[in-house]
Amino acid sequence: MQLLQPFLSIFNMMTTHESQLWTRKETLEVQPEEIDMSRFPYLPDVQETRNDLARMYTNIAIMDRESQKYFDEIEEAGLLDNTIII
């Protein structure tokens, strides 16, 4: 059995960065009318706010899939049980 040296790897994804609210154009996975505005009592319940929140939640879903690719690679390499993911 070959022992691997410890290493650190950081992956920074910009998918959920605030700027992506305006630049990403993928089809929304979360629709504005599905947003529960009672969770955001400090925001105005207007279409623009709902659109931004729908984009934010869609971006989170996209980032989840992007992250899964890294997790799958770690698992395929046999390193999942020895990896700390934060």
PDB file of N, CA and C in Angstrom:
ATOM      1  N   MET A   1       0.836  -1.185   0.000  1.00  0.00           N
ATOM      2  CA  MET A   1       0.000   0.000   0.000  1.00  0.00           C
ATOM      3  C   MET A   1       0.877   1.242   0.000  1.00  0.00           C
ATOM      4  N   GLN A   2       0.585   2.126  -0.920  1.00  0.00           N
ATOM      5  CA  GLN A   2       1.357   3.364  -1.023  1.00  0.00           C
ATOM      6  C   GLN A   2       0.697   4.436  -0.163  1.00  0.00           C
ATOM      7  N   LEU A   3       1.497   5.082   0.687  1.00  0.00           N
ATOM      8  CA  LEU A   3       0.975   6.158   1.523  1.00  0.00           C
ATOM      9  C   LEU A   3       1.034   7.468   0.749  1.00  0.00           C
ATOM     10  N   LEU A   4      -0.025   8.214   0.824  1.00  0.00           N
ATOM     11  CA  LEU A   4      -0.074   9.505   0.156  1.00  0.00           C
ATOM     12  C   LEU A   4       0.328  10.610   1.127  1.00  0.00           C
ATOM     13  N   GLN A   5       1.009  11.592   0.607  1.00  0.00           N
ATOM     14  CA  GLN A   5       1.367  12.754   1.409  1.00  0.00           C
ATOM     15  C   GLN A   5       0.120  13.612   1.606  1.00  0.00           C
ATOM     16  N   PRO A   6      -0.045  14.200   2.794  1.00  0.00           N
ATOM     17  CA  PRO A   6      -1.171  15.120   2.991  1.00  0.00           C
ATOM     18  C   PRO A   6      -1.057  16.295   2.013  1.00  0.00           C
ATOM     19  N   PHE A   7      -2.188  16.788   1.607  1.00  0.00           N
ATOM     20  CA  PHE A   7      -2.192  17.947   0.718  1.00  0.00           C
ATOM     21  C   PHE A   7      -3.436  18.777   0.989  1.00  0.00           C
ATOM     22  N   LEU A   8      -3.397  19.999   0.524  1.00  0.00           N
ATOM     23  CA  LEU A   8      -4.524  20.918   0.642  1.00  0.00           C
ATOM     24  C   LEU A   8      -4.931  21.340  -0.757  1.00  0.00           C
ATOM     25  N   SER A   9      -6.200  21.307  -1.009  1.00  0.00           N
ATOM     26  CA  SER A   9      -6.713  21.735  -2.304  1.00  0.00           C
ATOM     27  C   SER A   9      -7.921  22.618  -2.065  1.00  0.00           C
ATOM     28  N   ILE A  10      -7.961  23.766  -2.708  1.00  0.00           N
ATOM     29  CA  ILE A  10      -9.072  24.701  -2.559  1.00  0.00           C
ATOM     30  C   ILE A  10      -9.695  24.944  -3.926  1.00  0.00           C
ATOM     31  N   PHE A  11     -10.998  24.839  -3.989  1.00  0.00           N
ATOM     32  CA  PHE A  11     -11.735  25.121  -5.214  1.00  0.00           C
ATOM     33  C   PHE A  11     -12.685  26.278  -4.925  1.00  0.00           C
ATOM     34  N   ASN A  12     -12.473  27.374  -5.581  1.00  0.00           N
ATOM     35  CA  ASN A  12     -13.339  28.544  -5.415  1.00  0.00           C
ATOM     36  C   ASN A  12     -14.260  28.655  -6.622  1.00  0.00           C
ATOM     37  N   MET A  13     -15.533  28.477  -6.383  1.00  0.00           N
ATOM     38  CA  MET A  13     -16.504  28.587  -7.462  1.00  0.00           C
ATOM     39  C   MET A  13     -17.196  29.939  -7.354  1.00  0.00           C
ATOM     40  N   MET A  14     -17.355  30.596  -8.461  1.00  0.00           N
ATOM     41  CA  MET A  14     -17.973  31.919  -8.481  1.00  0.00           C
ATOM     42  C   MET A  14     -19.482  31.844  -8.751  1.00  0.00           C
ATOM     43  N   THR A  15     -20.010  30.668  -8.828  1.00  0.00           N
ATOM     44  CA  THR A  15     -21.396  30.464  -9.241  1.00  0.00           C
ATOM     45  C   THR A  15     -22.389  31.248  -8.394  1.00  0.00           C
ATOM     46  N   THR A  16     -22.153  31.340  -7.099  1.00  0.00           N
ATOM     47  CA  THR A  16     -23.109  32.028  -6.226  1.00  0.00           C
ATOM     48  C   THR A  16     -22.645  33.421  -5.833  1.00  0.00           C
ATOM     49  N   HIS A  17     -21.574  33.903  -6.435  1.00  0.00           N
ATOM     50  CA  HIS A  17     -21.135  35.272  -6.160  1.00  0.00           C
ATOM     51  C   HIS A  17     -22.254  36.223  -6.555  1.00  0.00           C
ATOM     52  N   GLU A  18     -22.422  37.290  -5.792  1.00  0.00           N
ATOM     53  CA  GLU A  18     -23.543  38.210  -6.043  1.00  0.00           C
ATOM     54  C   GLU A  18     -23.595  38.713  -7.480  1.00  0.00           C
ATOM     55  N   SER A  19     -22.442  38.918  -8.107  1.00  0.00           N
ATOM     56  CA  SER A  19     -22.429  39.408  -9.481  1.00  0.00           C
ATOM     57  C   SER A  19     -23.139  38.460 -10.435  1.00  0.00           C
ATOM     58  N   GLN A  20     -23.246  37.181 -10.043  1.00  0.00           N
ATOM     59  CA  GLN A  20     -23.887  36.194 -10.905  1.00  0.00           C
ATOM     60  C   GLN A  20     -25.406  36.357 -10.960  1.00  0.00           C
ATOM     61  N   LEU A  21     -25.957  37.195 -10.078  1.00  0.00           N
ATOM     62  CA  LEU A  21     -27.393  37.470 -10.153  1.00  0.00           C
ATOM     63  C   LEU A  21     -27.743  38.139 -11.472  1.00  0.00           C
ATOM     64  N   TRP A  22     -26.785  38.907 -12.006  1.00  0.00           N
ATOM     65  CA  TRP A  22     -27.078  39.684 -13.211  1.00  0.00           C
ATOM     66  C   TRP A  22     -26.439  39.094 -14.463  1.00  0.00           C
ATOM     67  N   THR A  23     -25.414  38.278 -14.323  1.00  0.00           N
ATOM     68  CA  THR A  23     -24.693  37.819 -15.512  1.00  0.00           C
ATOM     69  C   THR A  23     -25.100  36.421 -15.979  1.00  0.00           C
ATOM     70  N   ARG A  24     -25.585  35.573 -15.079  1.00  0.00           N
ATOM     71  CA  ARG A  24     -25.957  34.216 -15.469  1.00  0.00           C
ATOM     72  C   ARG A  24     -27.293  34.258 -16.195  1.00  0.00           C
ATOM     73  N   LYS A  25     -27.406  33.474 -17.240  1.00  0.00           N
ATOM     74  CA  LYS A  25     -28.613  33.517 -18.069  1.00  0.00           C
ATOM     75  C   LYS A  25     -29.301  32.160 -18.210  1.00  0.00           C
ATOM     76  N   GLU A  26     -28.828  31.133 -17.479  1.00  0.00           N
ATOM     77  CA  GLU A  26     -29.475  29.826 -17.582  1.00  0.00           C
ATOM     78  C   GLU A  26     -30.956  29.949 -17.204  1.00  0.00           C
ATOM     79  N   THR A  27     -31.734  29.022 -17.685  1.00  0.00           N
ATOM     80  CA  THR A  27     -33.146  28.968 -17.324  1.00  0.00           C
ATOM     81  C   THR A  27     -33.267  28.821 -15.817  1.00  0.00           C
ATOM     82  N   LEU A  28     -34.191  29.541 -15.241  1.00  0.00           N
ATOM     83  CA  LEU A  28     -34.397  29.458 -13.797  1.00  0.00           C
ATOM     84  C   LEU A  28     -34.947  28.089 -13.416  1.00  0.00           C
ATOM     85  N   GLU A  29     -34.362  27.500 -12.384  1.00  0.00           N
ATOM     86  CA  GLU A  29     -34.863  26.244 -11.847  1.00  0.00           C
ATOM     87  C   GLU A  29     -35.882  26.499 -10.743  1.00  0.00           C
ATOM     88  N   VAL A  30     -35.782  27.661 -10.131  1.00  0.00           N
ATOM     89  CA  VAL A  30     -36.732  28.108  -9.123  1.00  0.00           C
ATOM     90  C   VAL A  30     -37.454  29.303  -9.727  1.00  0.00           C
ATOM     91  N   GLN A  31     -38.752  29.263  -9.727  1.00  0.00           N
ATOM     92  CA  GLN A  31     -39.529  30.334 -10.340  1.00  0.00           C
ATOM     93  C   GLN A  31     -39.831  31.433  -9.327  1.00  0.00           C
ATOM     94  N   PRO A  32     -39.859  32.673  -9.771  1.00  0.00           N
ATOM     95  CA  PRO A  32     -40.108  33.798  -8.854  1.00  0.00           C
ATOM     96  C   PRO A  32     -41.379  33.635  -8.023  1.00  0.00           C
ATOM     97  N   GLU A  33     -42.425  33.078  -8.606  1.00  0.00           N
ATOM     98  CA  GLU A  33     -43.686  32.936  -7.864  1.00  0.00           C
ATOM     99  C   GLU A  33     -43.599  31.855  -6.789  1.00  0.00           C
ATOM    100  N   GLU A  34     -42.552  31.026  -6.806  1.00  0.00           N
ATOM    101  CA  GLU A  34     -42.371  29.981  -5.798  1.00  0.00           C
ATOM    102  C   GLU A  34     -41.673  30.488  -4.537  1.00  0.00           C
ATOM    103  N   ILE A  35     -41.140  31.701  -4.594  1.00  0.00           N
ATOM    104  CA  ILE A  35     -40.377  32.248  -3.469  1.00  0.00           C
ATOM    105  C   ILE A  35     -41.307  32.560  -2.305  1.00  0.00           C
ATOM    106  N   ASP A  36     -40.955  32.070  -1.128  1.00  0.00           N
ATOM    107  CA  ASP A  36     -41.710  32.360   0.090  1.00  0.00           C
ATOM    108  C   ASP A  36     -41.160  33.656   0.677  1.00  0.00           C
ATOM    109  N   MET A  37     -41.802  34.752   0.358  1.00  0.00           N
ATOM    110  CA  MET A  37     -41.301  36.060   0.788  1.00  0.00           C
ATOM    111  C   MET A  37     -41.418  36.274   2.290  1.00  0.00           C
ATOM    112  N   SER A  38     -42.176  35.433   2.997  1.00  0.00           N
ATOM    113  CA  SER A  38     -42.256  35.581   4.458  1.00  0.00           C
ATOM    114  C   SER A  38     -40.905  35.282   5.118  1.00  0.00           C
ATOM    115  N   ARG A  39     -40.020  34.598   4.398  1.00  0.00           N
ATOM    116  CA  ARG A  39     -38.677  34.315   4.918  1.00  0.00           C
ATOM    117  C   ARG A  39     -37.780  35.538   4.831  1.00  0.00           C
ATOM    118  N   PHE A  40     -38.234  36.562   4.080  1.00  0.00           N
ATOM    119  CA  PHE A  40     -37.436  37.767   3.868  1.00  0.00           C
ATOM    120  C   PHE A  40     -38.272  39.001   4.194  1.00  0.00           C
ATOM    121  N   PRO A  41     -38.682  39.169   5.447  1.00  0.00           N
ATOM    122  CA  PRO A  41     -39.572  40.283   5.781  1.00  0.00           C
ATOM    123  C   PRO A  41     -38.921  41.658   5.575  1.00  0.00           C
ATOM    124  N   TYR A  42     -37.620  41.696   5.459  1.00  0.00           N
ATOM    125  CA  TYR A  42     -36.882  42.946   5.289  1.00  0.00           C
ATOM    126  C   TYR A  42     -36.752  43.344   3.821  1.00  0.00           C
ATOM    127  N   LEU A  43     -37.230  42.499   2.892  1.00  0.00           N
ATOM    128  CA  LEU A  43     -37.152  42.801   1.458  1.00  0.00           C
ATOM    129  C   LEU A  43     -38.540  43.151   0.930  1.00  0.00           C
ATOM    130  N   PRO A  44     -38.593  44.067  -0.029  1.00  0.00           N
ATOM    131  CA  PRO A  44     -39.900  44.378  -0.622  1.00  0.00           C
ATOM    132  C   PRO A  44     -40.387  43.208  -1.487  1.00  0.00           C
ATOM    133  N   ASP A  45     -41.653  42.901  -1.375  1.00  0.00           N
ATOM    134  CA  ASP A  45     -42.240  41.822  -2.166  1.00  0.00           C
ATOM    135  C   ASP A  45     -42.674  42.386  -3.516  1.00  0.00           C
ATOM    136  N   VAL A  46     -41.679  42.559  -4.375  1.00  0.00           N
ATOM    137  CA  VAL A  46     -41.910  43.053  -5.733  1.00  0.00           C
ATOM    138  C   VAL A  46     -41.280  42.069  -6.710  1.00  0.00           C
ATOM    139  N   GLN A  47     -41.662  42.151  -7.976  1.00  0.00           N
ATOM    140  CA  GLN A  47     -41.186  41.198  -8.982  1.00  0.00           C
ATOM    141  C   GLN A  47     -39.670  41.179  -9.101  1.00  0.00           C
ATOM    142  N   GLU A  48     -39.031  42.340  -9.021  1.00  0.00           N
ATOM    143  CA  GLU A  48     -37.570  42.410  -9.153  1.00  0.00           C
ATOM    144  C   GLU A  48     -36.883  41.621  -8.044  1.00  0.00           C
ATOM    145  N   THR A  49     -37.396  41.744  -6.822  1.00  0.00           N
ATOM    146  CA  THR A  49     -36.815  41.007  -5.696  1.00  0.00           C
ATOM    147  C   THR A  49     -37.030  39.510  -5.886  1.00  0.00           C
ATOM    148  N   ARG A  50     -38.218  39.127  -6.292  1.00  0.00           N
ATOM    149  CA  ARG A  50     -38.506  37.713  -6.526  1.00  0.00           C
ATOM    150  C   ARG A  50     -37.611  37.146  -7.628  1.00  0.00           C
ATOM    151  N   ASN A  51     -37.391  37.926  -8.687  1.00  0.00           N
ATOM    152  CA  ASN A  51     -36.508  37.475  -9.779  1.00  0.00           C
ATOM    153  C   ASN A  51     -35.086  37.253  -9.269  1.00  0.00           C
ATOM    154  N   ASP A  52     -34.577  38.193  -8.467  1.00  0.00           N
ATOM    155  CA  ASP A  52     -33.219  38.053  -7.928  1.00  0.00           C
ATOM    156  C   ASP A  52     -33.110  36.834  -7.013  1.00  0.00           C
ATOM    157  N   LEU A  53     -34.103  36.618  -6.167  1.00  0.00           N
ATOM    158  CA  LEU A  53     -34.070  35.461  -5.272  1.00  0.00           C
ATOM    159  C   LEU A  53     -34.180  34.154  -6.055  1.00  0.00           C
ATOM    160  N   ALA A  54     -34.999  34.141  -7.091  1.00  0.00           N
ATOM    161  CA  ALA A  54     -35.104  32.943  -7.927  1.00  0.00           C
ATOM    162  C   ALA A  54     -33.764  32.652  -8.597  1.00  0.00           C
ATOM    163  N   ARG A  55     -33.074  33.675  -9.080  1.00  0.00           N
ATOM    164  CA  ARG A  55     -31.745  33.501  -9.685  1.00  0.00           C
ATOM    165  C   ARG A  55     -30.772  32.998  -8.635  1.00  0.00           C
ATOM    166  N   MET A  56     -30.815  33.572  -7.419  1.00  0.00           N
ATOM    167  CA  MET A  56     -29.905  33.152  -6.359  1.00  0.00           C
ATOM    168  C   MET A  56     -30.092  31.668  -6.046  1.00  0.00           C
ATOM    169  N   TYR A  57     -31.347  31.236  -5.877  1.00  0.00           N
ATOM    170  CA  TYR A  57     -31.610  29.829  -5.568  1.00  0.00           C
ATOM    171  C   TYR A  57     -31.227  28.922  -6.740  1.00  0.00           C
ATOM    172  N   THR A  58     -31.442  29.383  -7.951  1.00  0.00           N
ATOM    173  CA  THR A  58     -31.025  28.611  -9.120  1.00  0.00           C
ATOM    174  C   THR A  58     -29.509  28.482  -9.146  1.00  0.00           C
ATOM    175  N   ASN A  59     -28.797  29.573  -8.847  1.00  0.00           N
ATOM    176  CA  ASN A  59     -27.336  29.531  -8.803  1.00  0.00           C
ATOM    177  C   ASN A  59     -26.843  28.552  -7.742  1.00  0.00           C
ATOM    178  N   ILE A  60     -27.527  28.491  -6.620  1.00  0.00           N
ATOM    179  CA  ILE A  60     -27.151  27.536  -5.569  1.00  0.00           C
ATOM    180  C   ILE A  60     -27.318  26.103  -6.083  1.00  0.00           C
ATOM    181  N   ALA A  61     -28.402  25.840  -6.789  1.00  0.00           N
ATOM    182  CA  ALA A  61     -28.623  24.498  -7.344  1.00  0.00           C
ATOM    183  C   ALA A  61     -27.535  24.142  -8.356  1.00  0.00           C
ATOM    184  N   ILE A  62     -27.139  25.115  -9.177  1.00  0.00           N
ATOM    185  CA  ILE A  62     -26.066  24.886 -10.152  1.00  0.00           C
ATOM    186  C   ILE A  62     -24.758  24.597  -9.429  1.00  0.00           C
ATOM    187  N   MET A  63     -24.456  25.378  -8.387  1.00  0.00           N
ATOM    188  CA  MET A  63     -23.221  25.170  -7.635  1.00  0.00           C
ATOM    189  C   MET A  63     -23.215  23.808  -6.936  1.00  0.00           C
ATOM    190  N   ASP A  64     -24.364  23.375  -6.457  1.00  0.00           N
ATOM    191  CA  ASP A  64     -24.450  22.041  -5.843  1.00  0.00           C
ATOM    192  C   ASP A  64     -24.017  20.966  -6.836  1.00  0.00           C
ATOM    193  N   ARG A  65     -24.463  21.071  -8.080  1.00  0.00           N
ATOM    194  CA  ARG A  65     -24.066  20.089  -9.097  1.00  0.00           C
ATOM    195  C   ARG A  65     -22.575  20.205  -9.417  1.00  0.00           C
ATOM    196  N   GLU A  66     -22.064  21.432  -9.485  1.00  0.00           N
ATOM    197  CA  GLU A  66     -20.629  21.613  -9.739  1.00  0.00           C
ATOM    198  C   GLU A  66     -19.807  21.000  -8.611  1.00  0.00           C
ATOM    199  N   SER A  67     -20.246  21.200  -7.367  1.00  0.00           N
ATOM    200  CA  SER A  67     -19.544  20.639  -6.211  1.00  0.00           C
ATOM    201  C   SER A  67     -19.569  19.119  -6.242  1.00  0.00           C
ATOM    202  N   GLN A  68     -20.679  18.560  -6.657  1.00  0.00           N
ATOM    203  CA  GLN A  68     -20.815  17.104  -6.709  1.00  0.00           C
ATOM    204  C   GLN A  68     -19.758  16.481  -7.607  1.00  0.00           C
ATOM    205  N   LYS A  69     -19.385  17.170  -8.668  1.00  0.00           N
ATOM    206  CA  LYS A  69     -18.341  16.653  -9.565  1.00  0.00           C
ATOM    207  C   LYS A  69     -17.024  16.474  -8.808  1.00  0.00           C
ATOM    208  N   TYR A  70     -16.684  17.430  -7.951  1.00  0.00           N
ATOM    209  CA  TYR A  70     -15.462  17.301  -7.143  1.00  0.00           C
ATOM    210  C   TYR A  70     -15.578  16.140  -6.160  1.00  0.00           C
ATOM    211  N   PHE A  71     -16.738  16.019  -5.513  1.00  0.00           N
ATOM    212  CA  PHE A  71     -16.931  14.922  -4.566  1.00  0.00           C
ATOM    213  C   PHE A  71     -16.813  13.575  -5.271  1.00  0.00           C
ATOM    214  N   ASP A  72     -17.392  13.485  -6.470  1.00  0.00           N
ATOM    215  CA  ASP A  72     -17.310  12.237  -7.236  1.00  0.00           C
ATOM    216  C   ASP A  72     -15.864  11.896  -7.594  1.00  0.00           C
ATOM    217  N   GLU A  73     -15.077  12.899  -7.980  1.00  0.00           N
ATOM    218  CA  GLU A  73     -13.664  12.665  -8.305  1.00  0.00           C
ATOM    219  C   GLU A  73     -12.900  12.165  -7.091  1.00  0.00           C
ATOM    220  N   ILE A  74     -13.163  12.747  -5.940  1.00  0.00           N
ATOM    221  CA  ILE A  74     -12.493  12.322  -4.702  1.00  0.00           C
ATOM    222  C   ILE A  74     -12.863  10.875  -4.380  1.00  0.00           C
ATOM    223  N   GLU A  75     -14.130  10.557  -4.527  1.00  0.00           N
ATOM    224  CA  GLU A  75     -14.580   9.194  -4.250  1.00  0.00           C
ATOM    225  C   GLU A  75     -13.977   8.197  -5.236  1.00  0.00           C
ATOM    226  N   GLU A  76     -13.962   8.550  -6.525  1.00  0.00           N
ATOM    227  CA  GLU A  76     -13.391   7.659  -7.543  1.00  0.00           C
ATOM    228  C   GLU A  76     -11.908   7.428  -7.314  1.00  0.00           C
ATOM    229  N   ALA A  77     -11.218   8.404  -6.737  1.00  0.00           N
ATOM    230  CA  ALA A  77      -9.793   8.266  -6.448  1.00  0.00           C
ATOM    231  C   ALA A  77      -9.568   7.461  -5.156  1.00  0.00           C
ATOM    232  N   GLY A  78     -10.639   7.090  -4.476  1.00  0.00           N
ATOM    233  CA  GLY A  78     -10.505   6.317  -3.244  1.00  0.00           C
ATOM    234  C   GLY A  78     -10.068   7.150  -2.060  1.00  0.00           C
ATOM    235  N   LEU A  79     -10.291   8.445  -2.104  1.00  0.00           N
ATOM    236  CA  LEU A  79      -9.820   9.329  -1.049  1.00  0.00           C
ATOM    237  C   LEU A  79     -10.922   9.884  -0.156  1.00  0.00           C
ATOM    238  N   LEU A  80     -12.160   9.533  -0.432  1.00  0.00           N
ATOM    239  CA  LEU A  80     -13.275  10.143   0.282  1.00  0.00           C
ATOM    240  C   LEU A  80     -13.210   9.918   1.796  1.00  0.00           C
ATOM    241  N   ASP A  81     -12.827   8.701   2.215  1.00  0.00           N
ATOM    242  CA  ASP A  81     -12.780   8.397   3.649  1.00  0.00           C
ATOM    243  C   ASP A  81     -11.642   9.116   4.369  1.00  0.00           C
ATOM    244  N   ASN A  82     -10.688   9.660   3.620  1.00  0.00           N
ATOM    245  CA  ASN A  82      -9.555  10.356   4.223  1.00  0.00           C
ATOM    246  C   ASN A  82      -9.543  11.836   3.854  1.00  0.00           C
ATOM    247  N   THR A  83     -10.689  12.369   3.491  1.00  0.00           N
ATOM    248  CA  THR A  83     -10.758  13.763   3.042  1.00  0.00           C
ATOM    249  C   THR A  83     -11.719  14.542   3.919  1.00  0.00           C
ATOM    250  N   ILE A  84     -11.283  15.721   4.290  1.00  0.00           N
ATOM    251  CA  ILE A  84     -12.143  16.640   5.028  1.00  0.00           C
ATOM    252  C   ILE A  84     -12.658  17.666   4.038  1.00  0.00           C
ATOM    253  N   ILE A  85     -13.964  17.773   3.929  1.00  0.00           N
ATOM    254  CA  ILE A  85     -14.585  18.730   2.997  1.00  0.00           C
ATOM    255  C   ILE A  85     -15.304  19.778   3.840  1.00  0.00           C
ATOM    256  N   ILE A  86     -14.933  21.020   3.566  1.00  0.00           N
ATOM    257  CA  ILE A  86     -15.540  22.138   4.331  1.00  0.00           C
ATOM    258  C   ILE A  86     -16.321  22.994   3.366  1.00  0.00           C
TER     259      ILE A  86
END
